[in-house]
Amino acid sequence: MVDVSQHELVPEHTVLEEDVLEEVLSEYDIDRTDLPKIKRNDSALPDEAEVGDVIKIVRNSRTTDQAVVYRLVVE
């Protein structure tokens, strides 16, 4: 079977630590539930991701070099 998360076109997905998450939520003045969602069964997620975790996704961007987005893991 192919591990999709290791494909060159899949951006880096990492689970955010709680203290870093608090800084991000504070910076944007939002709650965890205000974040866009990503399903737990998404094959790009790290194996250690659990429902309720927030994932940091770093994508390559033509205009900003890298684009960072955050997603809340849901069922």
C-alpha atoms as a PDB file:
ATOM      1  CA  MET A   1       0.000   0.000   0.000  1.00  0.00           C
ATOM      2  CA  VAL A   2       1.167   3.567  -0.722  1.00  0.00           C
ATOM      3  CA  ASP A   3       1.685   6.047   2.109  1.00  0.00           C
ATOM      4  CA  VAL A   4       0.007   9.156   0.686  1.00  0.00           C
ATOM      5  CA  SER A   5       1.364  11.388   3.454  1.00  0.00           C
ATOM      6  CA  GLN A   6       4.896  10.853   2.087  1.00  0.00           C
ATOM      7  CA  HIS A   7       4.048  11.926  -1.476  1.00  0.00           C
ATOM      8  CA  GLU A   8       6.030  14.942  -2.727  1.00  0.00           C
ATOM      9  CA  LEU A   9       2.863  16.934  -3.515  1.00  0.00           C
ATOM     10  CA  VAL A  10       1.352  16.531  -0.032  1.00  0.00           C
ATOM     11  CA  PRO A  11       2.286  19.507   2.177  1.00  0.00           C
ATOM     12  CA  GLU A  12       3.847  19.038   5.606  1.00  0.00           C
ATOM     13  CA  HIS A  13       1.241  18.270   8.313  1.00  0.00           C
ATOM     14  CA  THR A  14       2.234  18.521  11.986  1.00  0.00           C
ATOM     15  CA  VAL A  15       0.253  18.350  15.219  1.00  0.00           C
ATOM     16  CA  LEU A  16       0.436  21.663  17.092  1.00  0.00           C
ATOM     17  CA  GLU A  17       1.549  21.654  20.730  1.00  0.00           C
ATOM     18  CA  GLU A  18      -0.993  23.148  23.145  1.00  0.00           C
ATOM     19  CA  ASP A  19       1.158  26.164  24.099  1.00  0.00           C
ATOM     20  CA  VAL A  20       1.806  27.040  20.433  1.00  0.00           C
ATOM     21  CA  LEU A  21      -1.890  26.603  19.692  1.00  0.00           C
ATOM     22  CA  GLU A  22      -2.819  29.117  22.394  1.00  0.00           C
ATOM     23  CA  GLU A  23      -0.488  31.676  20.805  1.00  0.00           C
ATOM     24  CA  VAL A  24      -2.044  31.129  17.357  1.00  0.00           C
ATOM     25  CA  LEU A  25      -5.613  31.389  18.669  1.00  0.00           C
ATOM     26  CA  SER A  26      -4.711  34.533  20.592  1.00  0.00           C
ATOM     27  CA  GLU A  27      -2.997  36.104  17.571  1.00  0.00           C
ATOM     28  CA  TYR A  28      -6.089  35.622  15.394  1.00  0.00           C
ATOM     29  CA  ASP A  29      -8.553  36.211  18.257  1.00  0.00           C
ATOM     30  CA  ILE A  30     -10.479  33.002  17.535  1.00  0.00           C
ATOM     31  CA  ASP A  31     -11.541  29.801  19.288  1.00  0.00           C
ATOM     32  CA  ARG A  32     -10.374  26.329  18.327  1.00  0.00           C
ATOM     33  CA  THR A  33     -13.814  25.567  16.863  1.00  0.00           C
ATOM     34  CA  ASP A  34     -13.549  28.564  14.512  1.00  0.00           C
ATOM     35  CA  LEU A  35     -10.754  26.870  12.571  1.00  0.00           C
ATOM     36  CA  PRO A  36     -11.448  25.056   9.299  1.00  0.00           C
ATOM     37  CA  LYS A  37     -11.900  21.309   9.781  1.00  0.00           C
ATOM     38  CA  ILE A  38     -10.057  18.225   8.528  1.00  0.00           C
ATOM     39  CA  LYS A  39     -11.404  14.691   8.898  1.00  0.00           C
ATOM     40  CA  ARG A  40      -9.488  12.221  11.069  1.00  0.00           C
ATOM     41  CA  ASN A  41      -9.439   9.695   8.222  1.00  0.00           C
ATOM     42  CA  ASP A  42      -7.642  12.112   5.856  1.00  0.00           C
ATOM     43  CA  SER A  43      -4.658  10.126   4.654  1.00  0.00           C
ATOM     44  CA  ALA A  44      -2.308  13.141   4.820  1.00  0.00           C
ATOM     45  CA  LEU A  45      -2.677  13.454   8.612  1.00  0.00           C
ATOM     46  CA  PRO A  46       0.132  12.245  10.870  1.00  0.00           C
ATOM     47  CA  ASP A  47      -0.629   8.930  12.594  1.00  0.00           C
ATOM     48  CA  GLU A  48      -0.533  10.554  16.045  1.00  0.00           C
ATOM     49  CA  ALA A  49      -3.289  13.085  15.179  1.00  0.00           C
ATOM     50  CA  GLU A  50      -6.457  12.645  17.232  1.00  0.00           C
ATOM     51  CA  VAL A  51      -9.899  14.246  17.155  1.00  0.00           C
ATOM     52  CA  GLY A  52      -9.623  17.700  18.734  1.00  0.00           C
ATOM     53  CA  ASP A  53      -5.987  18.243  17.735  1.00  0.00           C
ATOM     54  CA  VAL A  54      -5.016  21.203  15.576  1.00  0.00           C
ATOM     55  CA  ILE A  55      -2.832  20.520  12.547  1.00  0.00           C
ATOM     56  CA  LYS A  56      -0.367  23.001  11.079  1.00  0.00           C
ATOM     57  CA  ILE A  57      -0.082  22.646   7.299  1.00  0.00           C
ATOM     58  CA  VAL A  58       2.823  24.307   5.497  1.00  0.00           C
ATOM     59  CA  ARG A  59       2.354  24.617   1.736  1.00  0.00           C
ATOM     60  CA  ASN A  60       4.675  25.987  -0.902  1.00  0.00           C
ATOM     61  CA  SER A  61       3.400  29.266  -2.322  1.00  0.00           C
ATOM     62  CA  ARG A  62       4.421  31.202  -5.408  1.00  0.00           C
ATOM     63  CA  THR A  63       3.718  34.542  -3.766  1.00  0.00           C
ATOM     64  CA  THR A  64       4.816  34.080  -0.139  1.00  0.00           C
ATOM     65  CA  ASP A  65       7.292  31.183  -0.413  1.00  0.00           C
ATOM     66  CA  GLN A  66       5.313  29.263   2.232  1.00  0.00           C
ATOM     67  CA  ALA A  67       1.692  29.446   3.304  1.00  0.00           C
ATOM     68  CA  VAL A  68       0.771  28.234   6.800  1.00  0.00           C
ATOM     69  CA  VAL A  69      -2.786  27.126   7.561  1.00  0.00           C
ATOM     70  CA  TYR A  70      -4.371  25.443  10.576  1.00  0.00           C
ATOM     71  CA  ARG A  71      -7.077  22.756  10.670  1.00  0.00           C
ATOM     72  CA  LEU A  72      -9.060  21.211  13.544  1.00  0.00           C
ATOM     73  CA  VAL A  73      -9.257  17.404  13.399  1.00  0.00           C
ATOM     74  CA  VAL A  74     -12.856  16.150  13.507  1.00  0.00           C
ATOM     75  CA  GLU A  75     -14.421  12.704  13.274  1.00  0.00           C
END
